[in-house]
Amino acid sequence: MKRSRTTLSQPHERSRSQAEPRQSLSGRFLRPLWFALATFVMLAIVAGPVFADVKLRVEARPIADPINVFVTVNNPDSSPVGGLGETDFTVLVDGKPVVTPVTFSLSSAESEARNVSIIFVMDYSGSVGAAQGIVEQSVSEFLSVMQFQDYAGILKFNRDLGAQMIPPKFVEIASEDIRSALIKAVSFEYEGSGSPVYAALKEAIKQFELASALPPGPKAILLVSDGRNNDFSVTGSDVATLANGEEISIFTVGVGDIDFSAMGALAFQTGGQFYEARDDDAVKDAYVAISTLLQNEYVLTFESNITDCEVHEVVVEVKGQDPARSTFARCTAPGSSTPEPEGDVGGTPLPPPSNGGGGGGGGAFGPLGLIAGLSLLALRRRLRAA
């Protein structure tokens, strides 16, 4: 059972309740519901019509493990669809229905038994210094809408100071005091140069290994960096293998002079997503998109006899929605390059190597989307905590 939410303003609220009638249960929830509704109406007026949408991400490695398909279903107003069940989903692989049993799991926002565990890996090298302010703000906002009993950690890195957890623990958000301490730690200075990207990710994965009591639910690392690693003691392949062994998805947000190949490969090989963030709004949008995604994904899990290193296609049909598709690989053939993810995967697709630019993607949805996403997650937190 979820713990009741506490706030720093409780003493004030208790004194006020002595002078005012106690607010009814319906009144407590109608106000945030009306706020959310007004936000979405504003979005519809400003942004125009948005079509219903289904997006997928696939966690298919290592070969010995079942395949996990994470499905996000959105209303026309971009709010997540809740209340779906096992019979609402049909899964096909390479055009054929999956015949092995498919296990269905509710999203973290709907299930008392599922929570998010995430470590924010933040690059504090000189090459991404210009983005650090907006990154810190975005991480703080992400933490502010996480659930009680979610787990969070902050890992900062550069070559001079190495990779360190700040504070030095991967902790459960069990109170507002713990949340406040994490948010305060986000802005701690960490001056230095050099980018041991893969060594930092390896350290983050180690923190998951050390945390023995993580709750059921998505496990993720959110890396913000340019991806330009200059410490070769650990490779990207090493990181992907370790992450897949712990069932951790790596989400990458590219800032500065981005190494698209490295950042895209880390996401694709671990079932995460890559987001290109060329300006402050794009950084914010990427964090909100990932937060919303992790809270609202349904999970479809099934065994597979696919053991080759080819690229395969998964299609998910959801009642009342157009089908969505994505690609996955169970392994990478020796000497081959990581294929570009395709289909309705969200995030930013990898650009053609010839021009180094990036296409638009489903992961970012503008400054108004930031307001809607955060207000919706805050509303769901209130409903779950009641």
Protein backbone atom coordinates (compact mmCIF):
# COMPACT_ATOMS: atom_id res chain seq x y z
CA MET A 1 0.00 0.00 0.00
CA LYS A 2 1.25 3.45 -0.83
CA ARG A 3 2.32 5.71 1.98
CA SER A 4 0.30 8.85 2.55
CA ARG A 5 1.90 11.90 1.11
CA THR A 6 3.31 14.45 3.55
CA THR A 7 4.15 18.06 2.81
CA LEU A 8 6.24 20.77 4.43
CA SER A 9 3.12 22.89 4.93
CA GLN A 10 1.29 20.46 7.23
CA PRO A 11 1.47 22.56 10.44
CA HIS A 12 -0.05 25.51 8.59
CA GLU A 13 -2.75 23.32 7.08
CA ARG A 14 -3.68 21.88 10.48
CA SER A 15 -4.13 25.30 12.01
CA ARG A 16 -6.21 26.47 9.09
CA SER A 17 -8.45 23.38 9.33
CA GLN A 18 -9.47 24.47 12.87
CA ALA A 19 -11.05 27.61 11.43
CA GLU A 20 -12.52 26.19 8.22
CA PRO A 21 -14.80 23.19 7.57
CA ARG A 22 -12.94 20.13 6.40
CA GLN A 23 -12.85 19.95 2.61
CA SER A 24 -14.92 17.10 1.18
CA LEU A 25 -13.29 14.19 -0.59
CA SER A 26 -14.86 15.22 -3.87
CA GLY A 27 -13.63 18.77 -3.43
CA ARG A 28 -10.08 17.56 -2.90
CA PHE A 29 -10.01 15.86 -6.27
CA LEU A 30 -12.30 18.03 -8.40
CA ARG A 31 -9.92 20.98 -8.21
CA PRO A 32 -6.88 19.17 -9.70
CA LEU A 33 -9.17 17.45 -12.21
CA TRP A 34 -10.52 20.79 -13.39
CA PHE A 35 -6.97 22.18 -13.54
CA ALA A 36 -5.83 19.28 -15.70
CA LEU A 37 -8.89 19.64 -17.93
CA ALA A 38 -8.29 23.36 -18.37
CA THR A 39 -4.65 22.69 -19.26
CA PHE A 40 -5.59 20.23 -21.97
CA VAL A 41 -8.28 22.54 -23.36
CA MET A 42 -5.63 25.27 -23.59
CA LEU A 43 -3.35 22.84 -25.45
CA ALA A 44 -6.11 21.99 -27.91
CA ILE A 45 -6.80 25.65 -28.60
CA VAL A 46 -3.16 26.60 -29.06
CA ALA A 47 -1.79 23.52 -30.77
CA GLY A 48 -4.81 22.40 -32.79
CA PRO A 49 -6.02 18.81 -33.11
CA VAL A 50 -3.67 15.98 -32.16
CA PHE A 51 -4.41 12.44 -33.33
CA ALA A 52 -4.55 9.48 -30.97
CA ASP A 53 -1.19 7.80 -30.73
CA VAL A 54 0.48 4.55 -29.68
CA LYS A 55 4.23 4.37 -29.10
CA LEU A 56 6.47 1.41 -28.38
CA ARG A 57 9.89 0.65 -27.02
CA VAL A 58 11.30 -2.87 -26.97
CA GLU A 59 13.68 -4.49 -24.50
CA ALA A 60 14.85 -7.67 -26.26
CA ARG A 61 18.32 -8.39 -24.84
CA PRO A 62 19.92 -10.60 -23.71
CA ILE A 63 18.72 -13.47 -25.87
CA ALA A 64 18.04 -15.74 -22.88
CA ASP A 65 15.46 -13.34 -21.42
CA PRO A 66 11.86 -12.75 -22.51
CA ILE A 67 11.05 -9.79 -24.74
CA ASN A 68 9.43 -6.79 -23.04
CA VAL A 69 7.33 -4.43 -25.16
CA PHE A 70 6.52 -1.16 -23.40
CA VAL A 71 3.40 0.50 -24.81
CA THR A 72 2.20 4.06 -24.29
CA VAL A 73 -1.31 4.91 -25.51
CA ASN A 74 -2.28 8.57 -25.75
CA ASN A 75 -5.61 10.34 -26.06
CA PRO A 76 -6.12 12.98 -28.79
CA ASP A 77 -5.20 15.62 -26.16
CA SER A 78 -1.83 13.84 -25.59
CA SER A 79 -2.83 12.61 -22.13
CA PRO A 80 -2.07 8.94 -21.43
CA VAL A 81 -4.92 6.44 -21.74
CA GLY A 82 -5.57 4.46 -18.57
CA GLY A 83 -7.81 1.54 -17.75
CA LEU A 84 -6.66 -0.79 -20.52
CA GLY A 85 -6.43 -4.53 -19.93
CA GLU A 86 -4.82 -7.63 -21.38
CA THR A 87 -7.56 -8.19 -23.97
CA ASP A 88 -7.01 -4.71 -25.45
CA PHE A 89 -3.60 -5.67 -26.88
CA THR A 90 -2.49 -7.93 -29.73
CA VAL A 91 1.21 -8.50 -30.44
CA LEU A 92 2.76 -9.56 -33.75
CA VAL A 93 6.42 -10.25 -34.50
CA ASP A 94 7.55 -10.16 -38.14
CA GLY A 95 3.89 -10.13 -39.20
CA LYS A 96 2.83 -13.20 -37.19
CA PRO A 97 0.76 -13.17 -33.97
CA VAL A 98 2.72 -14.15 -30.87
CA VAL A 99 1.50 -17.62 -29.88
CA THR A 100 3.35 -17.96 -26.58
CA PRO A 101 1.55 -16.53 -23.52
CA VAL A 102 1.82 -12.74 -23.25
CA THR A 103 2.03 -11.41 -19.70
CA PHE A 104 0.32 -8.04 -19.22
CA SER A 105 1.38 -5.51 -16.57
CA LEU A 106 -0.33 -2.26 -15.66
CA SER A 107 1.55 1.03 -15.86
CA SER A 108 3.32 2.37 -12.78
CA ALA A 109 0.73 5.16 -12.54
CA GLU A 110 -2.10 2.62 -12.26
CA SER A 111 -0.53 -0.17 -10.22
CA GLU A 112 0.16 -0.07 -6.50
CA ALA A 113 2.74 -2.82 -7.05
CA ARG A 114 4.90 -1.04 -9.65
CA ASN A 115 7.27 1.88 -9.21
CA VAL A 116 10.03 3.59 -11.17
CA SER A 117 13.72 3.23 -10.28
CA ILE A 118 15.98 5.71 -12.06
CA ILE A 119 19.49 7.15 -11.85
CA PHE A 120 20.20 10.51 -13.48
CA VAL A 121 23.70 10.43 -15.00
CA MET A 122 24.82 14.03 -15.54
CA ASP A 123 27.85 15.05 -17.61
CA TYR A 124 29.83 17.85 -15.92
CA SER A 125 32.63 18.11 -18.47
CA GLY A 126 33.49 21.42 -20.08
CA SER A 127 31.98 20.46 -23.45
CA VAL A 128 28.41 20.43 -22.11
CA GLY A 129 28.77 23.26 -19.59
CA ALA A 130 26.36 25.57 -21.39
CA ALA A 131 23.49 23.12 -20.87
CA GLN A 132 24.08 22.34 -17.20
CA GLY A 133 21.68 24.96 -15.83
CA ILE A 134 18.66 23.77 -17.79
CA VAL A 135 19.59 20.12 -17.16
CA GLU A 136 19.62 20.72 -13.40
CA GLN A 137 16.24 22.43 -13.62
CA SER A 138 14.80 19.55 -15.66
CA VAL A 139 16.11 16.87 -13.28
CA SER A 140 14.58 18.78 -10.35
CA GLU A 141 11.21 18.93 -12.09
CA PHE A 142 11.42 15.22 -12.90
CA LEU A 143 12.10 14.43 -9.21
CA SER A 144 9.20 16.64 -8.13
CA VAL A 145 6.63 14.42 -9.91
CA MET A 146 8.04 11.02 -8.94
CA GLN A 147 5.90 8.76 -6.74
CA PHE A 148 6.50 7.85 -3.14
CA GLN A 149 8.28 4.46 -3.13
CA ASP A 150 9.99 5.26 -6.43
CA TYR A 151 13.79 5.06 -6.22
CA ALA A 152 16.11 7.80 -7.48
CA GLY A 153 19.81 8.57 -7.57
CA ILE A 154 22.02 11.34 -8.99
CA LEU A 155 25.40 10.52 -10.49
CA LYS A 156 27.66 13.32 -11.74
CA PHE A 157 30.83 12.75 -13.70
CA ASN A 158 33.88 14.25 -15.37
CA ARG A 159 37.45 13.03 -15.68
CA ASP A 160 38.86 15.18 -12.89
CA LEU A 161 36.41 14.12 -10.16
CA GLY A 162 35.38 10.76 -11.60
CA ALA A 163 31.82 9.42 -11.33
CA GLN A 164 30.13 9.90 -7.96
CA MET A 165 26.65 9.44 -6.54
CA ILE A 166 25.47 12.69 -4.90
CA PRO A 167 24.19 12.03 -2.25
CA PRO A 168 26.11 8.74 -2.08
CA LYS A 169 23.02 6.52 -2.14
CA PHE A 170 20.36 5.21 -4.49
CA VAL A 171 17.36 5.97 -2.26
CA GLU A 172 13.64 5.41 -1.96
CA ILE A 173 11.56 8.58 -2.14
CA ALA A 174 9.81 7.80 1.14
CA SER A 175 9.15 11.38 2.28
CA GLU A 176 9.20 14.96 1.11
CA ASP A 177 12.41 15.48 3.10
CA ILE A 178 14.19 12.84 1.00
CA ARG A 179 12.80 14.35 -2.21
CA SER A 180 13.99 17.81 -1.12
CA ALA A 181 17.47 16.47 -0.35
CA LEU A 182 17.71 14.93 -3.83
CA ILE A 183 16.54 18.12 -5.50
CA LYS A 184 19.05 20.15 -3.48
CA ALA A 185 21.86 17.78 -4.52
CA VAL A 186 21.05 18.34 -8.20
CA SER A 187 22.58 21.81 -8.08
CA PHE A 188 25.78 20.88 -6.20
CA GLU A 189 28.87 22.08 -8.08
CA TYR A 190 30.99 19.47 -9.83
CA GLU A 191 33.69 21.30 -11.71
CA GLY A 192 36.09 19.49 -14.00
CA SER A 193 36.84 18.42 -17.55
CA GLY A 194 36.90 15.21 -19.56
CA SER A 195 34.08 12.79 -20.37
CA PRO A 196 34.33 9.21 -19.05
CA VAL A 197 30.82 8.52 -20.34
CA TYR A 198 30.93 4.72 -20.33
CA ALA A 199 32.76 4.49 -17.00
CA ALA A 200 30.04 6.69 -15.46
CA LEU A 201 27.29 4.47 -16.88
CA LYS A 202 29.06 1.38 -15.53
CA GLU A 203 29.09 2.99 -12.08
CA ALA A 204 25.36 3.76 -12.36
CA ILE A 205 24.62 0.13 -13.25
CA LYS A 206 26.67 -0.94 -10.23
CA GLN A 207 24.30 1.10 -8.03
CA PHE A 208 21.37 -0.94 -9.30
CA GLU A 209 23.28 -4.13 -8.48
CA LEU A 210 23.93 -2.90 -4.93
CA ALA A 211 20.29 -1.93 -4.35
CA SER A 212 18.78 -5.27 -3.35
CA ALA A 213 15.22 -4.16 -2.59
CA LEU A 214 14.09 -2.23 -5.67
CA PRO A 215 10.32 -2.49 -6.31
CA PRO A 216 8.83 -4.14 -9.41
CA GLY A 217 8.61 -1.69 -12.30
CA PRO A 218 10.78 0.00 -14.90
CA LYS A 219 14.48 0.43 -14.16
CA ALA A 220 16.16 3.21 -16.12
CA ILE A 221 19.26 5.33 -16.46
CA LEU A 222 18.83 8.82 -17.90
CA LEU A 223 22.10 10.05 -19.41
CA VAL A 224 22.48 13.66 -20.48
CA SER A 225 25.74 14.22 -22.36
CA ASP A 226 27.22 14.89 -25.77
CA GLY A 227 28.30 11.23 -25.73
CA ARG A 228 31.89 12.06 -26.67
CA ASN A 229 33.69 9.56 -24.46
CA ASN A 230 37.42 10.06 -23.88
CA ASP A 231 38.05 7.29 -21.35
CA PHE A 232 38.43 3.91 -23.03
CA SER A 233 38.65 1.69 -19.96
CA VAL A 234 35.00 0.78 -20.61
CA THR A 235 33.26 0.45 -23.98
CA GLY A 236 29.72 1.10 -25.10
CA SER A 237 29.31 -2.62 -25.73
CA ASP A 238 30.38 -3.33 -22.15
CA VAL A 239 27.75 -0.91 -20.86
CA ALA A 240 24.96 -2.37 -23.02
CA THR A 241 25.78 -5.90 -21.87
CA LEU A 242 25.79 -4.89 -18.20
CA ALA A 243 22.56 -2.87 -18.53
CA ASN A 244 20.72 -5.67 -20.30
CA GLY A 245 21.86 -8.14 -17.66
CA GLU A 246 20.15 -5.97 -15.02
CA GLU A 247 17.13 -5.19 -17.27
CA ILE A 248 17.96 -1.47 -17.21
CA SER A 249 16.90 0.77 -20.10
CA ILE A 250 19.24 3.66 -20.91
CA PHE A 251 17.56 6.87 -22.10
CA THR A 252 19.95 9.37 -23.67
CA VAL A 253 19.50 13.13 -24.05
CA GLY A 254 22.05 14.60 -26.43
CA VAL A 255 23.31 18.14 -25.80
CA GLY A 256 26.17 20.15 -27.30
CA ASP A 257 28.23 18.63 -30.11
CA ILE A 258 26.46 15.26 -30.04
CA ASP A 259 27.99 11.91 -30.97
CA PHE A 260 24.77 10.59 -32.50
CA SER A 261 26.12 7.10 -33.09
CA ALA A 262 27.15 6.58 -29.46
CA MET A 263 24.05 8.11 -27.89
CA GLY A 264 21.69 6.31 -30.28
CA ALA A 265 23.39 2.94 -29.82
CA LEU A 266 23.21 3.09 -26.02
CA ALA A 267 19.45 3.69 -26.19
CA PHE A 268 18.65 1.21 -28.95
CA GLN A 269 20.73 -1.64 -27.51
CA THR A 270 19.09 -1.37 -24.05
CA GLY A 271 15.46 -0.68 -24.96
CA GLY A 272 15.63 3.04 -24.16
CA GLN A 273 15.20 6.07 -26.40
CA PHE A 274 17.42 8.84 -27.70
CA TYR A 275 16.39 12.52 -27.62
CA GLU A 276 18.26 15.30 -29.38
CA ALA A 277 18.15 18.49 -27.33
CA ARG A 278 19.51 21.48 -29.22
CA ASP A 279 18.02 24.18 -26.97
CA ASP A 280 16.59 24.68 -23.48
CA ASP A 281 13.01 23.86 -24.45
CA ALA A 282 14.13 20.59 -26.07
CA VAL A 283 16.00 19.57 -22.90
CA LYS A 284 12.90 20.21 -20.78
CA ASP A 285 10.67 18.39 -23.23
CA ALA A 286 12.92 15.33 -23.28
CA TYR A 287 12.84 14.99 -19.49
CA VAL A 288 9.06 15.41 -19.35
CA ALA A 289 8.58 12.89 -22.17
CA ILE A 290 10.72 10.29 -20.38
CA SER A 291 8.99 10.92 -17.04
CA THR A 292 5.54 10.55 -18.60
CA LEU A 293 6.65 7.47 -20.51
CA LEU A 294 8.05 5.60 -17.50
CA GLN A 295 4.95 6.32 -15.42
CA ASN A 296 2.40 5.37 -18.07
CA GLU A 297 3.76 2.43 -20.05
CA TYR A 298 1.87 -0.85 -20.18
CA VAL A 299 4.23 -3.85 -20.39
CA LEU A 300 3.71 -6.91 -22.62
CA THR A 301 6.17 -9.74 -21.90
CA PHE A 302 6.61 -12.96 -23.88
CA GLU A 303 9.16 -15.68 -24.55
CA SER A 304 10.76 -15.77 -28.01
CA ASN A 305 12.77 -18.35 -29.96
CA ILE A 306 14.51 -15.61 -31.96
CA THR A 307 18.26 -16.04 -31.39
CA ASP A 308 19.79 -14.41 -34.47
CA CYS A 309 21.31 -10.95 -34.73
CA GLU A 310 18.99 -9.67 -37.45
CA VAL A 311 16.60 -6.73 -37.10
CA HIS A 312 13.00 -7.81 -36.43
CA GLU A 313 9.72 -5.89 -36.30
CA VAL A 314 7.14 -5.92 -33.53
CA VAL A 315 3.61 -4.58 -34.08
CA VAL A 316 1.14 -3.89 -31.27
CA GLU A 317 -2.55 -3.49 -32.06
CA VAL A 318 -4.57 -1.65 -29.43
CA LYS A 319 -8.36 -1.59 -29.56
CA GLY A 320 -9.58 1.75 -30.82
CA GLN A 321 -6.12 2.86 -32.00
CA ASP A 322 -4.01 2.50 -35.10
CA PRO A 323 -1.34 -0.22 -34.79
CA ALA A 324 2.17 0.82 -33.77
CA ARG A 325 5.44 -0.79 -34.83
CA SER A 326 9.07 -0.76 -33.83
CA THR A 327 12.25 -2.71 -34.58
CA PHE A 328 14.51 -4.69 -32.28
CA ALA A 329 17.54 -6.96 -32.37
CA ARG A 330 18.36 -9.77 -29.95
CA CYS A 331 22.10 -9.23 -30.38
CA THR A 332 24.57 -7.40 -32.61
CA ALA A 333 26.50 -9.45 -35.16
CA PRO A 334 30.31 -9.17 -34.92
CA GLY A 335 31.55 -6.35 -37.10
CA SER A 336 28.07 -4.98 -37.77
CA SER A 337 26.79 -1.53 -36.87
CA THR A 338 23.83 -0.88 -34.63
CA PRO A 339 20.69 -0.52 -36.78
CA GLU A 340 18.66 2.64 -36.59
CA PRO A 341 15.43 2.18 -34.61
CA GLU A 342 12.32 2.50 -36.73
CA GLY A 343 8.60 2.87 -36.19
CA ASP A 344 6.55 4.55 -33.47
CA VAL A 345 9.26 4.60 -30.84
CA GLY A 346 9.17 8.22 -29.71
CA GLY A 347 12.39 10.10 -29.06
CA THR A 348 14.50 11.34 -31.94
CA PRO A 349 15.46 9.02 -34.80
CA LEU A 350 19.16 8.84 -35.59
CA PRO A 351 20.13 11.18 -38.43
CA PRO A 352 21.75 10.10 -41.68
CA PRO A 353 25.56 10.00 -41.18
CA SER A 354 26.08 12.30 -44.15
CA ASN A 355 24.75 15.48 -42.62
CA GLY A 356 24.95 14.96 -38.85
CA GLY A 357 21.55 16.61 -38.36
CA GLY A 358 18.60 15.14 -36.51
CA GLY A 359 15.00 14.59 -37.45
CA GLY A 360 12.06 15.53 -35.27
CA GLY A 361 10.60 12.90 -33.00
CA GLY A 362 7.68 11.93 -30.85
CA GLY A 363 9.57 12.37 -27.61
CA ALA A 364 9.44 16.16 -27.42
CA PHE A 365 6.18 18.07 -27.41
CA GLY A 366 6.90 21.73 -26.73
CA PRO A 367 6.75 24.05 -23.71
CA LEU A 368 2.97 23.61 -23.28
CA GLY A 369 3.53 19.88 -23.17
CA LEU A 370 5.83 20.45 -20.19
CA ILE A 371 2.96 22.04 -18.25
CA ALA A 372 0.48 19.33 -19.25
CA GLY A 373 2.85 16.46 -18.54
CA LEU A 374 3.86 17.68 -15.10
CA SER A 375 0.30 18.57 -14.05
CA LEU A 376 -1.00 15.19 -15.19
CA LEU A 377 1.69 13.28 -13.29
CA ALA A 378 1.13 15.39 -10.19
CA LEU A 379 -2.59 14.62 -10.39
CA ARG A 380 -1.94 10.88 -10.68
CA ARG A 381 0.38 11.05 -7.68
CA ARG A 382 -2.39 12.63 -5.61
CA LEU A 383 -4.95 10.03 -6.65
CA ARG A 384 -2.58 7.13 -5.87
CA ALA A 385 -1.52 8.54 -2.49
CA ALA A 386 -5.13 8.99 -1.29
